[in-house]
Protein backbone atom coordinates (compact mmCIF):
# COMPACT_ATOMS: atom_id res chain seq x y z
CA MET A 1 40.11 -41.46 13.52
CA ARG A 2 37.20 -43.23 15.34
CA GLU A 3 37.22 -40.31 17.84
CA THR A 4 36.83 -37.79 14.94
CA LEU A 5 34.22 -40.04 13.32
CA LEU A 6 31.99 -39.99 16.75
CA LEU A 7 32.65 -36.33 17.27
CA SER A 8 31.26 -35.54 13.67
CA THR A 9 28.37 -38.12 14.11
CA PHE A 10 27.50 -36.22 17.46
CA LEU A 11 27.58 -32.83 15.92
CA LEU A 12 25.59 -33.96 12.94
CA ALA A 13 22.84 -35.33 15.26
CA SER A 14 23.02 -32.06 17.46
CA ALA A 15 22.66 -29.79 14.33
CA MET A 16 19.75 -32.07 13.20
CA MET A 17 17.97 -31.90 16.60
CA ALA A 18 18.63 -28.22 16.93
CA VAL A 19 16.81 -27.86 13.39
CA ALA A 20 14.03 -30.09 14.44
CA GLY A 21 13.31 -28.14 17.55
CA ASN A 22 13.10 -24.88 15.09
CA VAL A 23 10.32 -26.50 12.76
CA VAL A 24 6.68 -25.21 13.25
CA THR A 25 4.08 -27.17 12.08
CA ILE A 26 1.16 -25.31 10.70
CA ARG A 27 -2.18 -27.11 10.40
CA GLY A 28 -5.65 -25.86 9.48
CA GLU A 29 -8.85 -25.97 7.61
CA VAL A 30 -10.42 -23.60 4.97
CA PRO A 31 -14.17 -24.10 5.15
CA ARG A 32 -16.30 -23.95 2.03
CA TYR A 33 -13.09 -24.75 0.06
CA GLU A 34 -13.76 -25.25 -3.95
CA GLY A 35 -10.71 -27.06 -4.81
CA THR A 36 -9.14 -24.06 -6.78
CA GLY A 37 -6.73 -22.26 -4.42
CA TYR A 38 -3.67 -22.60 -2.31
CA LEU A 39 -1.95 -20.84 0.58
CA LEU A 40 1.15 -18.50 0.71
CA LEU A 41 3.27 -18.26 3.68
CA ILE A 42 5.45 -15.24 3.88
CA LYS A 43 7.60 -14.63 6.82
CA ASP A 44 9.20 -11.19 7.95
CA GLY A 45 12.67 -10.96 6.69
CA VAL A 46 12.46 -13.78 4.50
CA MET A 47 12.68 -12.74 0.74
CA ASP A 48 10.94 -16.07 -0.61
CA PHE A 49 7.84 -17.80 0.34
CA ASP A 50 6.37 -21.13 1.08
CA THR A 51 3.28 -22.51 -1.12
CA ILE A 52 0.97 -24.57 0.86
CA SER A 53 -1.37 -26.98 -1.00
CA VAL A 54 -4.78 -27.18 0.38
CA ARG A 55 -6.54 -30.81 0.29
CA ALA A 56 -9.87 -31.51 -1.52
CA ASP A 57 -11.62 -31.33 2.13
CA GLY A 58 -9.94 -27.88 2.56
CA THR A 59 -7.45 -29.05 5.24
CA PHE A 60 -3.80 -28.42 5.15
CA GLU A 61 -0.32 -29.13 6.89
CA HIS A 62 2.79 -27.56 6.48
CA GLN A 63 6.21 -27.41 8.37
CA THR A 64 8.56 -24.49 8.19
CA LEU A 65 11.78 -23.59 9.76
CA VAL A 66 11.63 -20.88 12.51
CA GLU A 67 15.01 -19.91 13.93
CA ALA A 68 13.43 -16.87 16.47
CA PRO A 69 9.88 -15.70 17.18
CA THR A 70 8.67 -14.37 13.84
CA ASN A 71 5.65 -12.72 12.52
CA ALA A 72 4.14 -14.13 9.14
CA LYS A 73 1.42 -13.57 6.93
CA LEU A 74 -0.76 -16.66 5.44
CA TYR A 75 -2.02 -15.24 2.28
CA LEU A 76 -5.34 -17.27 1.10
CA GLU A 77 -5.64 -17.69 -2.60
CA TYR A 78 -9.10 -19.59 -2.82
CA LEU A 79 -12.51 -19.10 -3.40
CA ASN A 80 -12.42 -17.99 -6.84
CA ASP A 81 -11.03 -14.49 -6.80
CA ASP A 82 -11.69 -13.93 -3.08
CA ARG A 83 -8.36 -13.56 -1.04
CA GLY A 84 -7.27 -12.31 2.29
CA LEU A 85 -4.59 -12.84 4.80
CA VAL A 86 -4.33 -13.95 8.31
CA SER A 87 -1.37 -12.74 10.50
CA LEU A 88 0.71 -15.47 12.36
CA TYR A 89 3.21 -15.44 15.41
CA LEU A 90 5.55 -18.36 14.78
CA MET A 91 7.71 -19.64 17.72
CA PRO A 92 10.40 -22.22 17.15
CA GLY A 93 9.06 -25.96 17.96
CA LYS A 94 5.73 -24.64 18.67
CA PRO A 95 2.59 -26.08 16.36
CA LEU A 96 -0.21 -23.88 15.45
CA ARG A 97 -3.53 -24.57 14.12
CA VAL A 98 -5.77 -22.21 12.14
CA SER A 99 -9.11 -22.40 11.05
CA VAL A 100 -10.23 -19.59 8.48
CA SER A 101 -13.70 -18.66 7.39
CA GLY A 102 -15.13 -15.71 5.63
CA ASN A 103 -17.90 -13.94 3.64
CA ARG A 104 -18.22 -12.03 0.56
CA GLY A 105 -19.03 -8.22 1.39
CA LYS A 106 -18.26 -4.87 0.11
CA ILE A 107 -15.86 -1.97 1.54
CA ARG A 108 -16.49 1.81 0.91
CA LEU A 109 -13.83 3.45 -1.35
CA PHE A 110 -14.36 6.97 -2.31
CA GLU A 111 -17.61 7.27 -3.84
CA SER A 112 -18.15 3.63 -4.48
CA ASP A 113 -18.70 0.22 -2.93
CA VAL A 114 -15.96 -2.51 -3.87
CA PRO A 115 -16.17 -5.96 -3.39
CA GLN A 116 -14.24 -7.47 -0.65
CA TYR A 117 -13.68 -10.73 1.01
CA VAL A 118 -14.24 -10.22 5.02
CA LEU A 119 -11.88 -12.77 6.68
CA THR A 120 -11.53 -14.13 10.28
CA ALA A 121 -9.30 -16.81 11.71
CA LYS A 122 -9.30 -18.76 14.92
CA PHE A 123 -6.25 -20.16 16.43
CA LYS A 124 -5.07 -23.06 18.82
CA GLY A 125 -1.77 -23.52 20.01
CA ALA A 126 1.35 -21.80 21.94
CA THR A 127 0.92 -18.59 20.03
CA LYS A 128 -2.82 -18.33 20.17
CA ARG A 129 -2.99 -15.02 22.03
CA GLU A 130 -0.07 -13.42 19.80
CA CYS A 131 -2.12 -14.44 16.73
CA ASP A 132 -5.51 -13.12 18.22
CA TYR A 133 -3.72 -9.84 18.83
CA LEU A 134 -2.33 -9.58 15.52
CA ASN A 135 -5.48 -10.10 13.68
CA THR A 136 -7.30 -7.40 15.84
CA PRO A 137 -7.57 -4.39 13.86
CA LYS A 138 -5.83 -1.28 14.93
CA TYR A 139 -8.27 1.04 12.95
CA PHE A 140 -11.96 0.89 13.37
CA ALA A 141 -15.04 2.11 11.38
CA CYS A 142 -16.14 5.53 12.51
CA TYR A 143 -19.03 7.41 11.02
CA ALA A 144 -19.61 11.30 10.52
CA THR A 145 -22.90 10.69 11.88
CA ASP A 146 -24.49 8.20 14.18
CA LYS A 147 -27.85 6.23 13.61
CA ASN A 148 -29.96 9.37 14.68
CA GLY A 149 -28.07 11.72 12.26
CA GLN A 150 -26.04 13.64 15.10
CA ARG A 151 -22.65 14.72 13.92
CA THR A 152 -19.53 13.05 15.42
CA THR A 153 -17.56 15.40 17.70
CA TYR A 154 -13.84 15.30 17.76
CA ARG A 155 -14.26 14.37 21.45
CA GLN A 156 -16.28 11.42 20.55
CA PHE A 157 -13.98 10.39 17.95
CA LEU A 158 -11.11 10.62 20.39
CA GLY A 159 -13.09 8.25 22.81
CA GLN A 160 -13.29 5.93 20.40
CA VAL A 161 -9.74 5.70 19.29
CA LYS A 162 -9.28 5.30 23.26
CA ASP A 163 -11.70 2.56 23.24
CA ARG A 164 -9.78 0.71 20.58
CA GLN A 165 -6.58 1.05 22.70
CA ALA A 166 -8.53 -0.41 25.57
CA LEU A 167 -9.34 -3.40 23.54
CA LEU A 168 -5.78 -3.80 22.29
CA TYR A 169 -4.13 -3.63 25.69
CA SER A 170 -6.40 -6.43 26.96
CA LYS A 171 -5.69 -8.58 23.85
CA LEU A 172 -1.85 -8.23 24.97
CA LYS A 173 -2.70 -9.88 28.32
CA GLY A 174 -1.42 -13.26 28.39
CA THR A 175 1.20 -12.92 25.54
CA SER A 176 5.06 -13.23 25.85
CA GLN A 177 6.97 -10.54 27.59
CA ALA A 178 9.00 -9.83 24.22
CA PHE A 179 5.73 -9.54 22.35
CA ARG A 180 4.12 -7.22 24.87
CA ASP A 181 7.36 -5.24 24.76
CA THR A 182 6.89 -4.94 21.17
CA HIS A 183 3.72 -3.97 20.70
CA THR A 184 2.79 -1.79 23.62
CA GLN A 185 4.46 1.07 22.23
CA GLU A 186 2.45 0.44 18.93
CA ILE A 187 -0.84 1.08 21.08
CA ASP A 188 0.46 4.05 22.80
CA ASP A 189 0.95 5.65 19.32
CA LEU A 190 -2.25 4.93 18.12
CA LEU A 191 -4.00 8.13 19.47
CA PRO A 192 -1.13 10.52 18.17
CA SER A 193 -1.27 8.60 14.72
CA LEU A 194 -5.46 8.81 14.37
CA ARG A 195 -5.73 12.80 15.51
CA PHE A 196 -6.15 13.93 11.94
CA ARG A 197 -8.11 11.09 10.91
CA TYR A 198 -11.46 12.86 11.96
CA ASP A 199 -10.81 15.24 9.10
CA TRP A 200 -11.05 12.12 6.80
CA VAL A 201 -14.04 10.93 8.72
CA MET A 202 -16.29 14.04 8.41
CA GLU A 203 -15.14 14.54 4.74
CA SER A 204 -16.30 11.11 3.85
CA GLY A 205 -19.67 12.18 5.41
CA GLY A 206 -19.87 15.61 3.34
CA LEU A 207 -18.95 17.44 6.51
CA ASP A 208 -16.29 19.70 7.42
CA ALA A 209 -13.88 18.93 10.38
CA TRP A 210 -12.87 22.66 10.93
CA GLU A 211 -16.48 23.32 12.03
CA ASP A 212 -15.48 21.53 15.48
CA ASP A 213 -13.96 24.02 17.92
CA ASP A 214 -11.98 21.05 19.57
CA PHE A 215 -10.71 19.96 16.29
CA LYS A 216 -9.56 23.40 15.35
CA ALA A 217 -7.91 24.18 18.67
CA TYR A 218 -5.93 21.30 18.20
CA VAL A 219 -4.82 21.78 14.73
CA ASN A 220 -3.95 25.59 15.71
CA GLY A 221 -2.01 24.44 18.61
CA ILE A 222 0.50 22.32 16.79
CA ASP A 223 3.93 24.14 16.74
CA VAL A 224 5.45 23.57 13.48
CA ASN A 225 8.51 25.02 14.70
CA ARG A 226 9.14 22.44 17.34
CA ASN A 227 12.42 20.72 16.71
CA ILE A 228 12.29 17.33 15.16
CA THR A 229 14.49 15.18 17.11
CA ALA A 230 15.99 11.84 15.99
CA ASP A 231 14.28 9.65 18.67
CA HIS A 232 10.94 8.10 18.71
CA GLU A 233 9.18 11.05 20.30
CA GLY A 234 10.73 13.37 17.45
CA LYS A 235 9.27 10.81 14.97
CA LYS A 236 5.70 11.30 16.52
CA THR A 237 6.46 15.13 16.21
CA GLN A 238 7.45 14.87 12.79
CA ASP A 239 4.32 12.90 11.53
CA GLU A 240 2.04 15.38 13.49
CA ILE A 241 3.47 18.54 11.85
CA PHE A 242 3.32 16.58 8.51
CA SER A 243 -0.15 15.95 8.94
CA LYS A 244 -0.93 19.55 9.91
CA VAL A 245 1.02 20.72 6.81
CA MET A 246 -1.28 18.19 4.70
CA TYR A 247 -4.52 19.77 6.52
CA ASP A 248 -3.29 23.12 6.14
CA ILE A 249 -2.36 23.39 2.55
CA ASP A 250 -5.94 21.99 1.23
CA ARG A 251 -7.12 25.42 3.07
CA LEU A 252 -4.51 27.80 1.93
CA TYR A 253 -3.49 26.91 -1.76
CA ASP A 254 -5.25 25.83 -4.83
CA LYS A 255 -6.20 22.26 -5.03
CA ASN A 256 -5.55 22.04 -8.63
CA ASP A 257 -1.74 22.70 -7.90
CA PRO A 258 0.26 19.69 -7.25
CA LEU A 259 0.40 18.29 -3.80
CA THR A 260 4.05 18.14 -3.68
CA LEU A 261 4.65 21.79 -4.93
CA ARG A 262 1.93 23.21 -2.07
CA PHE A 263 3.60 21.31 0.67
CA LEU A 264 7.09 22.73 -0.37
CA THR A 265 5.57 26.05 -0.47
CA TYR A 266 4.32 25.98 2.75
CA LEU A 267 7.42 24.91 4.13
CA ARG A 268 9.01 27.91 2.54
CA ASP A 269 6.53 30.34 3.69
CA HIS A 270 5.24 28.99 7.24
CA ILE A 271 8.19 27.29 8.85
CA ASN A 272 11.17 29.11 10.11
CA ASN A 273 13.06 26.18 11.75
CA LYS A 274 15.48 25.15 9.10
CA HIS A 275 16.15 21.76 10.37
CA ASN A 276 12.33 20.91 10.21
CA GLN A 277 12.19 22.56 6.69
CA GLU A 278 14.83 19.90 5.77
CA VAL A 279 13.44 16.90 7.39
CA LEU A 280 9.78 17.67 5.96
CA ALA A 281 10.98 18.66 2.58
CA ASP A 282 12.99 15.32 2.42
CA GLU A 283 10.08 13.29 3.33
CA ILE A 284 7.62 14.81 0.86
CA MET A 285 10.17 14.80 -2.12
CA THR A 286 11.24 11.39 -1.41
CA SER A 287 7.52 9.96 -1.52
CA ALA A 288 6.99 12.30 -4.96
CA MET A 289 9.91 10.67 -6.53
CA THR A 290 9.01 6.94 -5.48
CA SER A 291 5.57 7.78 -7.43
CA GLY A 292 7.33 9.27 -10.45
CA GLY A 293 7.95 12.88 -9.28
CA GLY A 294 4.51 14.40 -9.90
CA ASP A 295 3.25 17.42 -11.99
CA ARG A 296 5.49 20.58 -12.28
CA LEU A 297 8.72 18.68 -11.04
CA ARG A 298 10.90 21.31 -12.06
CA GLU A 299 9.20 23.80 -9.84
CA SER A 300 9.01 21.61 -6.66
CA TRP A 301 12.58 20.71 -7.21
CA GLN A 302 13.82 24.34 -7.30
CA ILE A 303 11.92 25.10 -4.08
CA TYR A 304 13.18 21.76 -2.41
CA SER A 305 16.85 22.43 -3.36
CA ARG A 306 16.72 25.39 -1.28
CA LEU A 307 15.17 23.92 1.74
CA SER A 308 17.31 20.78 1.60
CA GLY A 309 20.61 20.02 0.01
CA ARG A 310 22.78 18.47 2.69
CA SER A 311 21.45 14.96 3.84
CA GLU A 312 21.49 11.53 2.13
CA SER A 313 17.94 11.97 1.13
CA PHE A 314 18.82 14.74 -0.87
CA LYS A 315 21.58 12.99 -2.67
CA LYS A 316 19.09 10.13 -3.43
CA ASN A 317 16.52 12.37 -4.76
CA GLU A 318 19.06 14.31 -6.71
CA ARG A 319 19.99 11.25 -8.57
CA LEU A 320 16.20 10.46 -9.31
CA TYR A 321 15.57 14.09 -10.33
CA ALA A 322 18.04 13.77 -13.10
CA THR A 323 16.08 10.72 -14.48
CA LEU A 324 12.72 12.07 -13.87
CA SER A 325 13.32 15.28 -15.13
CA GLN A 326 13.92 13.54 -18.52
CA LEU A 327 10.29 12.28 -18.47
CA GLY A 328 8.27 15.51 -18.47
CA PRO A 329 5.56 16.52 -20.30
CA GLY A 330 5.82 16.44 -24.29
CA THR A 331 8.93 14.27 -23.86
CA GLU A 332 8.63 11.03 -26.37
CA ALA A 333 7.95 7.82 -23.96
CA ALA A 334 10.59 5.29 -23.64
CA ASP A 335 9.90 2.20 -25.66
CA PHE A 336 10.05 -1.51 -23.92
CA GLU A 337 8.77 -4.93 -24.50
CA MET A 338 6.00 -6.50 -22.87
CA GLN A 339 3.53 -9.67 -23.52
CA ASP A 340 0.13 -9.73 -24.87
CA THR A 341 -2.38 -12.47 -23.47
CA GLU A 342 -1.12 -15.02 -26.14
CA GLY A 343 2.53 -14.54 -24.88
CA ARG A 344 3.29 -12.67 -28.01
CA THR A 345 5.96 -9.78 -27.75
CA VAL A 346 4.55 -6.46 -28.04
CA ARG A 347 6.40 -2.96 -28.30
CA PHE A 348 5.06 -0.42 -26.06
CA TRP A 349 5.36 2.38 -28.78
CA ASP A 350 3.00 0.39 -30.92
CA VAL A 351 0.29 0.60 -28.49
CA ILE A 352 0.85 4.23 -27.55
CA LYS A 353 1.28 5.48 -30.85
CA ARG A 354 -2.30 5.16 -32.37
CA GLY A 355 -3.43 8.85 -32.51
CA LYS A 356 -5.20 8.44 -29.11
CA ILE A 357 -4.83 9.62 -25.48
CA THR A 358 -3.73 6.54 -23.81
CA TYR A 359 -4.45 5.74 -20.00
CA ILE A 360 -2.59 3.07 -18.57
CA ASP A 361 -2.77 1.37 -15.40
CA PHE A 362 0.21 -0.55 -14.06
CA TRP A 363 -0.77 -3.11 -11.62
CA ALA A 364 -0.38 -6.97 -10.11
CA THR A 365 -2.54 -9.35 -8.92
CA TRP A 366 -0.65 -9.39 -5.63
CA CYS A 367 -1.47 -5.65 -5.12
CA GLY A 368 -4.56 -5.25 -3.11
CA PRO A 369 -4.84 -1.43 -3.79
CA CYS A 370 -4.27 -2.37 -7.67
CA CYS A 371 -7.29 -4.83 -7.61
CA ALA A 372 -9.56 -2.29 -5.80
CA GLU A 373 -8.92 0.13 -8.75
CA ILE A 374 -9.80 -2.16 -11.37
CA PRO A 375 -13.75 -1.79 -11.12
CA PHE A 376 -13.01 1.97 -11.60
CA VAL A 377 -10.81 1.31 -14.53
CA GLU A 378 -13.89 -0.84 -16.02
CA LYS A 379 -16.22 2.04 -15.12
CA LEU A 380 -13.89 4.72 -17.30
CA VAL A 381 -13.80 2.02 -20.01
CA GLU A 382 -17.58 2.07 -20.42
CA LYS A 383 -17.81 5.79 -19.67
CA TYR A 384 -15.54 6.52 -22.83
CA LYS A 385 -16.86 3.45 -24.85
CA GLY A 386 -17.09 4.30 -28.55
CA ASN A 387 -14.97 7.53 -28.14
CA GLU A 388 -12.18 7.17 -30.56
CA LYS A 389 -10.00 9.69 -29.07
CA ILE A 390 -9.31 7.61 -25.86
CA GLN A 391 -8.03 4.05 -25.04
CA PHE A 392 -7.62 2.29 -21.78
CA VAL A 393 -4.50 -0.36 -21.39
CA SER A 394 -3.68 -2.30 -18.15
CA ILE A 395 -0.12 -3.50 -17.84
CA SER A 396 0.62 -6.03 -15.30
CA LEU A 397 3.89 -6.52 -13.40
CA ASP A 398 3.15 -10.20 -12.46
CA ASP A 399 5.91 -12.61 -12.58
CA LYS A 400 3.51 -15.52 -12.20
CA LEU A 401 1.91 -15.67 -15.41
CA ASP A 402 -0.85 -18.15 -14.08
CA LYS A 403 -1.95 -15.80 -11.65
CA TRP A 404 -2.26 -12.83 -14.15
CA HIS A 405 -4.29 -15.44 -16.82
CA GLU A 406 -6.64 -16.56 -13.94
CA LYS A 407 -7.36 -13.12 -12.63
CA LEU A 408 -8.35 -12.09 -16.58
CA ASN A 409 -10.40 -15.21 -17.07
CA HIS A 410 -12.38 -14.48 -13.97
CA ASP A 411 -12.66 -10.64 -14.60
CA LYS A 412 -12.93 -10.86 -18.41
CA PRO A 413 -11.77 -7.02 -19.02
CA THR A 414 -13.01 -5.71 -22.26
CA TRP A 415 -9.64 -3.23 -22.58
CA GLU A 416 -6.28 -4.31 -23.81
CA GLN A 417 -4.03 -6.34 -21.20
CA TYR A 418 -0.44 -6.95 -21.31
CA VAL A 419 2.37 -8.16 -18.77
CA ILE A 420 5.87 -7.54 -18.09
CA PRO A 421 7.25 -10.66 -16.27
CA GLU A 422 10.49 -9.20 -15.15
CA ASN A 423 8.33 -6.83 -13.08
CA PHE A 424 10.60 -4.35 -10.80
CA ASP A 425 13.91 -5.44 -12.66
CA SER A 426 12.40 -4.53 -16.10
CA LYS A 427 13.70 -1.95 -18.46
CA PHE A 428 10.27 -0.30 -17.91
CA ALA A 429 10.66 -0.03 -14.31
CA ARG A 430 14.26 1.49 -14.51
CA GLU A 431 13.22 3.91 -17.38
CA TYR A 432 10.12 5.23 -15.39
CA ASN A 433 11.39 4.89 -11.58
CA ILE A 434 8.63 2.47 -10.85
CA ARG A 435 8.96 1.36 -7.41
CA ALA A 436 5.29 0.99 -6.27
CA ILE A 437 1.93 0.11 -7.85
CA PRO A 438 -0.59 0.92 -8.72
CA ARG A 439 0.55 3.80 -10.91
CA PHE A 440 -1.16 5.44 -13.70
CA MET A 441 0.27 7.13 -16.86
CA VAL A 442 -1.20 9.14 -19.71
CA PHE A 443 0.27 9.46 -23.15
CA ASP A 444 -0.64 11.65 -26.20
CA GLY A 445 -1.70 10.11 -29.77
CA LYS A 446 2.09 10.29 -31.07
CA GLY A 447 3.41 8.58 -27.65
CA ARG A 448 4.51 11.84 -26.05
CA ILE A 449 4.22 11.75 -21.96
CA ILE A 450 1.14 13.78 -20.54
CA SER A 451 1.66 12.43 -16.98
CA THR A 452 3.82 9.56 -15.64
CA ASN A 453 1.92 10.10 -12.18
CA GLU A 454 -1.75 10.52 -13.16
CA GLN A 455 -4.59 10.39 -10.73
CA ARG A 456 -6.07 6.92 -9.93
CA PRO A 457 -9.20 5.98 -11.75
CA SER A 458 -11.28 6.08 -8.41
CA ALA A 459 -10.44 9.96 -7.89
CA SER A 460 -13.39 12.33 -8.26
CA ASP A 461 -11.90 14.41 -10.79
CA ILE A 462 -10.18 11.90 -12.95
CA GLU A 463 -13.23 12.17 -15.70
CA GLN A 464 -12.58 16.00 -15.80
CA ARG A 465 -8.92 15.45 -16.38
CA LEU A 466 -9.08 13.10 -19.14
CA ASN A 467 -11.73 15.44 -20.86
CA GLU A 468 -8.96 18.13 -20.64
CA TYR A 469 -6.41 15.99 -22.13
CA ILE A 470 -8.75 14.75 -24.92
CA LYS A 471 -9.64 18.53 -25.65
CA LYS A 472 -6.10 19.54 -25.77
CA CYS A 473 -5.14 16.92 -28.38
CA GLU A 474 -7.97 17.47 -30.67
């Protein structure tokens, strides 16, 4: 009996020591803290998150259990509506100190400047070098012209990518071997992954990448029938061919046609490798299904079903198609419950059956791209102010209603606001296959579907599309 008790005590003590050895203490400070926020610590592979309180002087201290080296994100919810994140690398038993600073600024999104909080962090501790690497941007600011107005050539652009690779390689020095092994491949893949970004850079400057002979030679030299294998090199080949198809369809087909339909048409007409057809068709169709299927879904499906049909992706998409095909234009919208800002239950039908076109923004406070679109929704609301034929509605998927109310109190939107606290587990999300946000939908005045995957409010043609919807429903 005594031996059993001693053994149990020893095992308990050993377990406690093991746990203690896996505890990471995170200490730091948030300069210019205004006493209105907190921090969230989210570790890779962990579904829940730790909430970290910030003291009145801006300092914080938190202990978390880490069983193996882990990537984590420290989300900063402070300074009114400003927010940002810091990447961390946590090792069992190794303390880490974080000092955060930032400035209010702007980022360029499509044709407008959007407020953005630019965040920086300094680290002290055993994983300082790993944290420094994770917080070094993989991408970089590249402009179509230099300060003298000279056009950026494709060779210059590729040179900038290689410079960024060199910087990242230098940041890896002094990190742990396991960390280097993980991220070396990431840096190696940077050049292949960014080759087509030159087109976006030139377009943002009002220029055409196709006028650069080196870029044209690169695009024309991609063999779309080169077999896509299942290994890492095959994934790079797949990404490159995918990018070429995306680039080619903008030049070969009418941009007014749905992207998915154009993409699948290209696969059918320009790629002979049956395996490549199936792999790429599965990729584009899975993406389309995740975002609601898109316009003219039936036409896209007819082509897709001829290009694929054997893969597991096809089987999943087939099940989704059975649902989404019931949500086509002209179909009466599915009804569901939501809450208004006062906590009252509101029926969806009561909102969309008012004899007006209804443009709906589905969003959440924790979704960065969603929040970036809000200023554009505001512009649309102002644009159509006084127009009795259209209304704008925002529906949040926040499960933390206090954060939703904080955001509304700060923004003071002038259009209707509702929330579905069950978020992705709600009847709404199941009925409309909502798996990602932001998502935008349009309904006619009788509650019938016009589009369950409408253009974002930041899109250049959104006003033209809304005007057409209004005209058709007059």
